């Protein structure tokens, strides 16, 4: 089962991830929001839309903008709307 962890803490785990461009996008209900802090960062993908970011916070340690999601993905990527993906040292296995 795909699992995302950082600093030894599991942030997300689900059998129902969506794979896009080599990234596991976890359904929002599979992500432990206690470790997420909204970020003001946004980026734009021409075919997926505008991404919003979260900082990951574990035991006071912050991994800035290490998670992202598309609140309103474009039609070509609608299956990842509201799903969360990870990078910046977050280990995704499965």
Protein backbone atom coordinates (compact mmCIF):
# COMPACT_ATOMS: atom_id res chain seq x y z
CA UNK A 1 0.00 0.00 0.00
CA UNK A 2 1.45 3.41 -0.92
CA UNK A 3 2.66 5.35 2.08
CA UNK A 4 4.28 8.80 2.46
CA UNK A 5 6.53 9.50 5.44
CA UNK A 6 8.93 12.18 6.61
CA UNK A 7 11.26 12.11 9.62
CA UNK A 8 9.96 8.64 10.46
CA UNK A 9 6.33 9.78 10.64
CA UNK A 10 3.64 8.48 8.28
CA UNK A 11 1.86 11.44 6.68
CA UNK A 12 -0.41 9.53 4.26
CA UNK A 13 -1.34 5.94 3.44
CA UNK A 14 -3.85 4.61 0.91
CA UNK A 15 -4.48 1.80 -1.56
CA UNK A 16 -6.31 4.29 -3.79
CA UNK A 17 -3.66 6.74 -4.98
CA UNK A 18 -3.68 8.27 -8.45
CA UNK A 19 -0.36 8.11 -10.33
CA UNK A 20 0.43 11.17 -12.44
CA UNK A 21 3.88 11.93 -13.83
CA UNK A 22 5.46 9.44 -11.43
CA UNK A 23 3.84 10.94 -8.32
CA UNK A 24 1.37 9.23 -6.02
CA UNK A 25 -1.56 11.56 -5.33
CA UNK A 26 -3.23 10.49 -2.07
CA UNK A 27 -6.94 11.09 -1.45
CA UNK A 28 -7.36 13.88 1.12
CA UNK A 29 -9.02 11.52 3.61
CA UNK A 30 -5.87 9.34 3.57
CA UNK A 31 -3.63 12.24 4.63
CA UNK A 32 -3.09 13.08 8.30
CA UNK A 33 -3.85 16.80 8.22
CA UNK A 34 -2.34 17.25 11.70
CA UNK A 35 1.05 17.32 9.94
CA UNK A 36 0.05 19.83 7.25
CA UNK A 37 0.19 23.61 7.48
CA UNK A 38 -1.19 25.72 4.61
CA UNK A 39 1.43 27.61 2.61
CA UNK A 40 1.00 30.76 0.54
CA UNK A 41 2.90 29.11 -2.34
CA UNK A 42 1.17 28.37 -5.66
CA UNK A 43 2.41 27.10 -9.02
CA UNK A 44 0.78 26.59 -12.40
CA UNK A 45 0.88 23.53 -14.63
CA UNK A 46 -0.45 24.09 -18.16
CA UNK A 47 -2.52 20.89 -18.17
CA UNK A 48 -3.26 20.28 -14.47
CA UNK A 49 -4.01 23.83 -13.31
CA UNK A 50 -2.96 25.84 -10.25
CA UNK A 51 -1.41 23.92 -7.37
CA UNK A 52 -1.53 24.97 -3.74
CA UNK A 53 1.06 23.83 -1.19
CA UNK A 54 1.38 22.67 2.40
CA UNK A 55 4.37 22.75 4.72
CA UNK A 56 4.85 19.46 6.56
CA UNK A 57 5.45 19.88 10.29
CA UNK A 58 6.64 16.93 12.39
CA UNK A 59 7.75 17.44 16.00
CA UNK A 60 8.50 21.11 15.33
CA UNK A 61 10.56 20.40 12.18
CA UNK A 62 9.24 22.13 9.04
CA UNK A 63 9.58 20.88 5.46
CA UNK A 64 8.43 23.94 3.50
CA UNK A 65 6.10 23.35 0.55
CA UNK A 66 6.73 19.58 0.67
CA UNK A 67 3.14 18.68 -0.24
CA UNK A 68 0.93 19.99 -3.02
CA UNK A 69 -2.58 19.58 -4.33
CA UNK A 70 -4.89 20.92 -7.03
CA UNK A 71 -8.08 22.30 -5.44
CA UNK A 72 -9.64 22.62 -8.90
CA UNK A 73 -7.64 20.60 -11.41
CA UNK A 74 -8.29 21.09 -15.11
CA UNK A 75 -10.39 18.54 -17.01
CA UNK A 76 -7.33 16.53 -18.14
CA UNK A 77 -6.35 15.95 -14.49
CA UNK A 78 -9.73 15.98 -12.77
CA UNK A 79 -8.98 12.62 -11.06
CA UNK A 80 -6.41 14.34 -8.79
CA UNK A 81 -8.65 17.21 -7.65
CA UNK A 82 -8.18 17.49 -3.89
CA UNK A 83 -5.54 14.73 -3.80
CA UNK A 84 -2.17 15.41 -2.14
CA UNK A 85 1.31 14.59 -3.50
CA UNK A 86 4.71 14.89 -1.84
CA UNK A 87 8.35 15.73 -2.58
CA UNK A 88 11.34 17.45 -0.88
CA UNK A 89 12.56 14.42 1.01
CA UNK A 90 9.18 12.88 1.77
CA UNK A 91 9.62 9.14 1.23
CA UNK A 92 6.82 7.59 -0.83
CA UNK A 93 6.84 3.80 -0.93
CA UNK A 94 4.50 1.22 -2.32
